[in-house]
């Protein structure tokens, strides 16, 4: 599988997104999945190229609006420390991609 380009988005790109990025790094490493993860704020997500955007459930609408027509999957995360739940979301995306 190709190297995934991932954005982690929060309001300012400096707080919760850094925590989520660190946790995603651990999860993807455990899954032996090759990824490139960058942190961004809501305003800067527009025009960026990526396969996935991880963000909090409360920011999904804003992130989706800022992405616009770009074909980027937005994955909402309820609990940034729910490693099992995050891994399930990742596996669901990878399965979805394999089917295409």
Protein backbone atom coordinates (compact mmCIF):
# COMPACT_ATOMS: atom_id res chain seq x y z
CA UNK A 1 0.00 0.00 0.00
CA UNK A 2 1.16 3.54 -0.75
CA UNK A 3 2.43 5.86 1.94
CA UNK A 4 -0.57 7.68 3.40
CA UNK A 5 -0.56 11.45 3.77
CA UNK A 6 -2.43 12.38 6.95
CA UNK A 7 -3.43 15.71 8.45
CA UNK A 8 -4.36 16.12 12.10
CA UNK A 9 -6.48 19.21 12.59
CA UNK A 10 -7.53 21.19 15.64
CA UNK A 11 -8.58 24.80 16.14
CA UNK A 12 -5.05 26.25 16.36
CA UNK A 13 -2.85 23.31 15.30
CA UNK A 14 -0.80 23.39 18.47
CA UNK A 15 -2.65 21.61 21.27
CA UNK A 16 -4.91 18.63 20.91
CA UNK A 17 -3.69 17.92 17.39
CA UNK A 18 -0.16 17.38 18.73
CA UNK A 19 -1.49 14.83 21.23
CA UNK A 20 -3.49 13.05 18.54
CA UNK A 21 -0.49 13.06 16.18
CA UNK A 22 1.69 11.38 18.80
CA UNK A 23 -0.98 8.73 19.39
CA UNK A 24 -1.50 8.18 15.66
CA UNK A 25 2.27 7.74 15.22
CA UNK A 26 2.16 4.92 17.79
CA UNK A 27 -0.88 3.26 16.26
CA UNK A 28 0.40 3.37 12.66
CA UNK A 29 3.82 2.12 13.79
CA UNK A 30 2.14 -0.82 15.55
CA UNK A 31 0.13 -1.51 12.38
CA UNK A 32 3.35 -1.28 10.31
CA UNK A 33 1.65 1.25 8.05
CA UNK A 34 3.83 3.81 6.26
CA UNK A 35 2.45 7.31 6.89
CA UNK A 36 3.36 10.97 6.77
CA UNK A 37 1.48 12.88 9.49
CA UNK A 38 1.30 16.67 9.69
CA UNK A 39 -0.49 18.90 12.17
CA UNK A 40 -2.59 21.82 10.95
CA UNK A 41 -5.19 24.30 12.12
CA UNK A 42 -8.70 24.62 10.71
CA UNK A 43 -7.89 27.63 8.54
CA UNK A 44 -4.85 25.98 6.98
CA UNK A 45 -6.50 22.67 6.06
CA UNK A 46 -8.00 24.26 2.95
CA UNK A 47 -6.06 23.48 -0.22
CA UNK A 48 -3.89 20.82 1.44
CA UNK A 49 -3.41 17.44 -0.21
CA UNK A 50 -3.95 14.40 1.97
CA UNK A 51 -5.63 11.01 2.13
CA UNK A 52 -7.08 11.49 5.60
CA UNK A 53 -7.82 14.18 8.13
CA UNK A 54 -8.22 13.23 11.77
CA UNK A 55 -10.03 15.74 13.95
CA UNK A 56 -12.30 15.94 16.97
CA UNK A 57 -15.98 15.17 16.49
CA UNK A 58 -16.82 18.78 17.34
CA UNK A 59 -14.72 20.14 14.44
CA UNK A 60 -15.80 17.74 11.67
CA UNK A 61 -18.25 20.15 10.05
CA UNK A 62 -15.77 23.04 10.00
CA UNK A 63 -12.97 20.84 8.66
CA UNK A 64 -15.23 19.38 5.98
CA UNK A 65 -16.34 22.87 4.90
CA UNK A 66 -12.73 24.06 4.70
CA UNK A 67 -11.67 21.04 2.66
CA UNK A 68 -14.39 21.82 0.13
CA UNK A 69 -14.43 19.57 -2.92
CA UNK A 70 -11.14 17.84 -2.16
CA UNK A 71 -11.51 14.08 -1.92
CA UNK A 72 -10.13 13.74 1.58
CA UNK A 73 -11.68 11.39 4.11
CA UNK A 74 -12.36 13.07 7.46
CA UNK A 75 -12.22 10.75 10.46
CA UNK A 76 -13.80 12.11 13.63
CA UNK A 77 -12.18 11.10 16.91
CA UNK A 78 -14.16 11.18 20.13
CA UNK A 79 -11.42 10.14 22.54
CA UNK A 80 -7.80 10.84 21.58
CA UNK A 81 -6.61 8.17 24.01
CA UNK A 82 -8.92 5.39 22.77
CA UNK A 83 -6.19 3.57 20.85
CA UNK A 84 -8.43 0.60 20.05
CA UNK A 85 -11.21 2.84 18.72
CA UNK A 86 -8.81 4.87 16.60
CA UNK A 87 -7.27 1.68 15.20
CA UNK A 88 -10.75 0.42 14.26
CA UNK A 89 -11.38 3.67 12.35
CA UNK A 90 -8.06 3.34 10.54
CA UNK A 91 -8.71 -0.30 9.62
CA UNK A 92 -12.19 0.63 8.31
CA UNK A 93 -10.60 3.25 6.05
CA UNK A 94 -7.92 0.85 4.82
CA UNK A 95 -10.57 -1.78 4.06
CA UNK A 96 -12.61 0.84 2.20
CA UNK A 97 -9.58 1.79 0.09
CA UNK A 98 -8.81 -1.85 -0.73
CA UNK A 99 -12.34 -2.33 -2.08
CA UNK A 100 -11.95 0.54 -4.58
